[in-house]
């Protein structure tokens, strides 16, 4: 289940985002979290599985189009389809007509799309 980011999730959000190569630096992580907290066009969601927050996905909105900026899954939950489920749930929550990946997450996004085609 996707949960909208709130300040109480800041530390877990930073931890999940730190698994992304471009978000390793603490200063960069703080800037990214600040962007999601202050920019009304940036939306951050966490994925709750059972009682744990195991994934994170961030989207920048342009009118009715969404661009996935960040997506990360805890290493202990990789290979379970968490990333694919987060992407599938985004369009419903954001009411977007189009959802596209940023260049940074494009390979992962395409992998998820290919898995959907196999179903």
Protein backbone atom coordinates (compact mmCIF):
# COMPACT_ATOMS: atom_id res chain seq x y z
CA UNK A 1 0.00 0.00 0.00
CA UNK A 2 1.32 3.44 -0.93
CA UNK A 3 1.38 6.02 1.85
CA UNK A 4 1.91 9.72 1.24
CA UNK A 5 5.15 11.04 2.78
CA UNK A 6 4.93 12.93 6.04
CA UNK A 7 7.64 14.38 8.28
CA UNK A 8 7.45 11.38 10.64
CA UNK A 9 8.79 9.23 7.75
CA UNK A 10 11.83 11.45 7.12
CA UNK A 11 14.53 9.08 8.45
CA UNK A 12 13.16 5.94 6.79
CA UNK A 13 12.68 7.94 3.58
CA UNK A 14 16.27 9.09 3.62
CA UNK A 15 17.40 5.52 4.27
CA UNK A 16 15.42 4.15 1.34
CA UNK A 17 16.50 6.97 -0.99
CA UNK A 18 20.14 6.37 -0.04
CA UNK A 19 20.03 3.06 -1.94
CA UNK A 20 19.87 5.10 -5.17
CA UNK A 21 23.38 5.82 -6.53
CA UNK A 22 22.74 9.54 -7.08
CA UNK A 23 21.41 9.96 -3.52
CA UNK A 24 24.32 8.55 -1.49
CA UNK A 25 25.50 11.89 -0.05
CA UNK A 26 23.71 13.08 3.12
CA UNK A 27 23.63 16.69 1.91
CA UNK A 28 22.02 15.57 -1.37
CA UNK A 29 19.49 13.43 0.54
CA UNK A 30 18.49 16.41 2.69
CA UNK A 31 18.06 18.57 -0.41
CA UNK A 32 15.89 15.90 -2.06
CA UNK A 33 13.67 15.46 1.02
CA UNK A 34 13.35 19.26 1.30
CA UNK A 35 12.26 19.43 -2.36
CA UNK A 36 9.50 16.87 -1.72
CA UNK A 37 8.40 18.69 1.45
CA UNK A 38 8.21 22.16 -0.10
CA UNK A 39 7.41 21.83 -3.81
CA UNK A 40 3.70 21.17 -4.42
CA UNK A 41 4.53 19.45 -7.74
CA UNK A 42 6.80 16.86 -6.10
CA UNK A 43 5.10 13.90 -4.40
CA UNK A 44 6.79 11.21 -2.31
CA UNK A 45 5.18 7.91 -1.32
CA UNK A 46 6.32 4.98 0.79
CA UNK A 47 5.28 1.38 0.27
CA UNK A 48 4.02 -0.44 3.34
CA UNK A 49 4.23 -4.22 3.32
CA UNK A 50 2.83 -5.89 6.40
CA UNK A 51 4.00 -3.47 9.12
CA UNK A 52 7.23 -2.32 7.43
CA UNK A 53 8.00 0.57 5.07
CA UNK A 54 10.03 -1.21 2.39
CA UNK A 55 9.95 1.03 -0.69
CA UNK A 56 9.82 4.64 -1.79
CA UNK A 57 8.78 6.37 -5.00
CA UNK A 58 8.90 10.05 -5.85
CA UNK A 59 7.09 11.80 -8.69
CA UNK A 60 7.32 15.30 -10.18
CA UNK A 61 4.03 16.42 -11.72
CA UNK A 62 3.63 18.56 -14.86
CA UNK A 63 -0.08 19.34 -15.25
CA UNK A 64 -1.54 15.83 -15.67
CA UNK A 65 1.74 14.06 -16.47
CA UNK A 66 3.99 12.47 -13.86
CA UNK A 67 7.73 11.88 -14.06
CA UNK A 68 9.07 9.27 -11.66
CA UNK A 69 12.18 10.88 -10.14
CA UNK A 70 13.08 8.29 -7.49
CA UNK A 71 12.27 4.68 -6.78
CA UNK A 72 13.97 2.39 -4.31
CA UNK A 73 13.23 -0.85 -2.49
CA UNK A 74 14.90 -2.13 0.65
CA UNK A 75 17.48 -4.80 -0.30
CA UNK A 76 15.75 -7.37 1.91
CA UNK A 77 12.54 -6.99 -0.16
CA UNK A 78 13.97 -6.87 -3.68
CA UNK A 79 12.69 -9.41 -6.16
CA UNK A 80 9.25 -9.47 -4.53
CA UNK A 81 7.57 -7.13 -7.03
CA UNK A 82 7.46 -4.13 -4.68
CA UNK A 83 8.78 -1.68 -7.31
CA UNK A 84 6.30 -2.91 -9.90
CA UNK A 85 3.41 -2.59 -7.43
CA UNK A 86 4.44 0.96 -6.51
CA UNK A 87 4.49 2.00 -10.18
CA UNK A 88 1.10 0.35 -10.84
CA UNK A 89 -0.50 2.17 -7.89
CA UNK A 90 0.91 5.62 -8.72
CA UNK A 91 -1.43 6.45 -11.61
CA UNK A 92 -4.48 5.71 -9.50
CA UNK A 93 -3.33 7.82 -6.57
CA UNK A 94 -2.09 10.76 -8.66
CA UNK A 95 -4.87 10.63 -11.27
CA UNK A 96 -2.29 11.05 -14.05
CA UNK A 97 -2.85 10.51 -17.74
CA UNK A 98 0.83 9.75 -18.35
CA UNK A 99 3.53 8.38 -16.07
CA UNK A 100 7.10 8.33 -17.38
CA UNK A 101 10.46 7.54 -15.77
CA UNK A 102 13.33 9.98 -15.41
CA UNK A 103 16.57 8.93 -17.11
CA UNK A 104 17.96 7.72 -13.76
CA UNK A 105 15.26 5.12 -13.22
CA UNK A 106 14.38 4.30 -16.83
CA UNK A 107 16.05 0.83 -16.89
CA UNK A 108 14.17 -0.27 -13.76
CA UNK A 109 10.88 1.17 -15.04
CA UNK A 110 11.24 -0.66 -18.37
CA UNK A 111 11.97 -3.90 -16.55
CA UNK A 112 8.74 -3.48 -14.58
CA UNK A 113 6.81 -2.78 -17.79
CA UNK A 114 8.20 -5.94 -19.43
CA UNK A 115 7.13 -7.99 -16.39
CA UNK A 116 3.61 -6.56 -16.76
CA UNK A 117 3.54 -7.63 -20.43
CA UNK A 118 4.45 -11.19 -19.40
CA UNK A 119 1.39 -11.48 -17.14
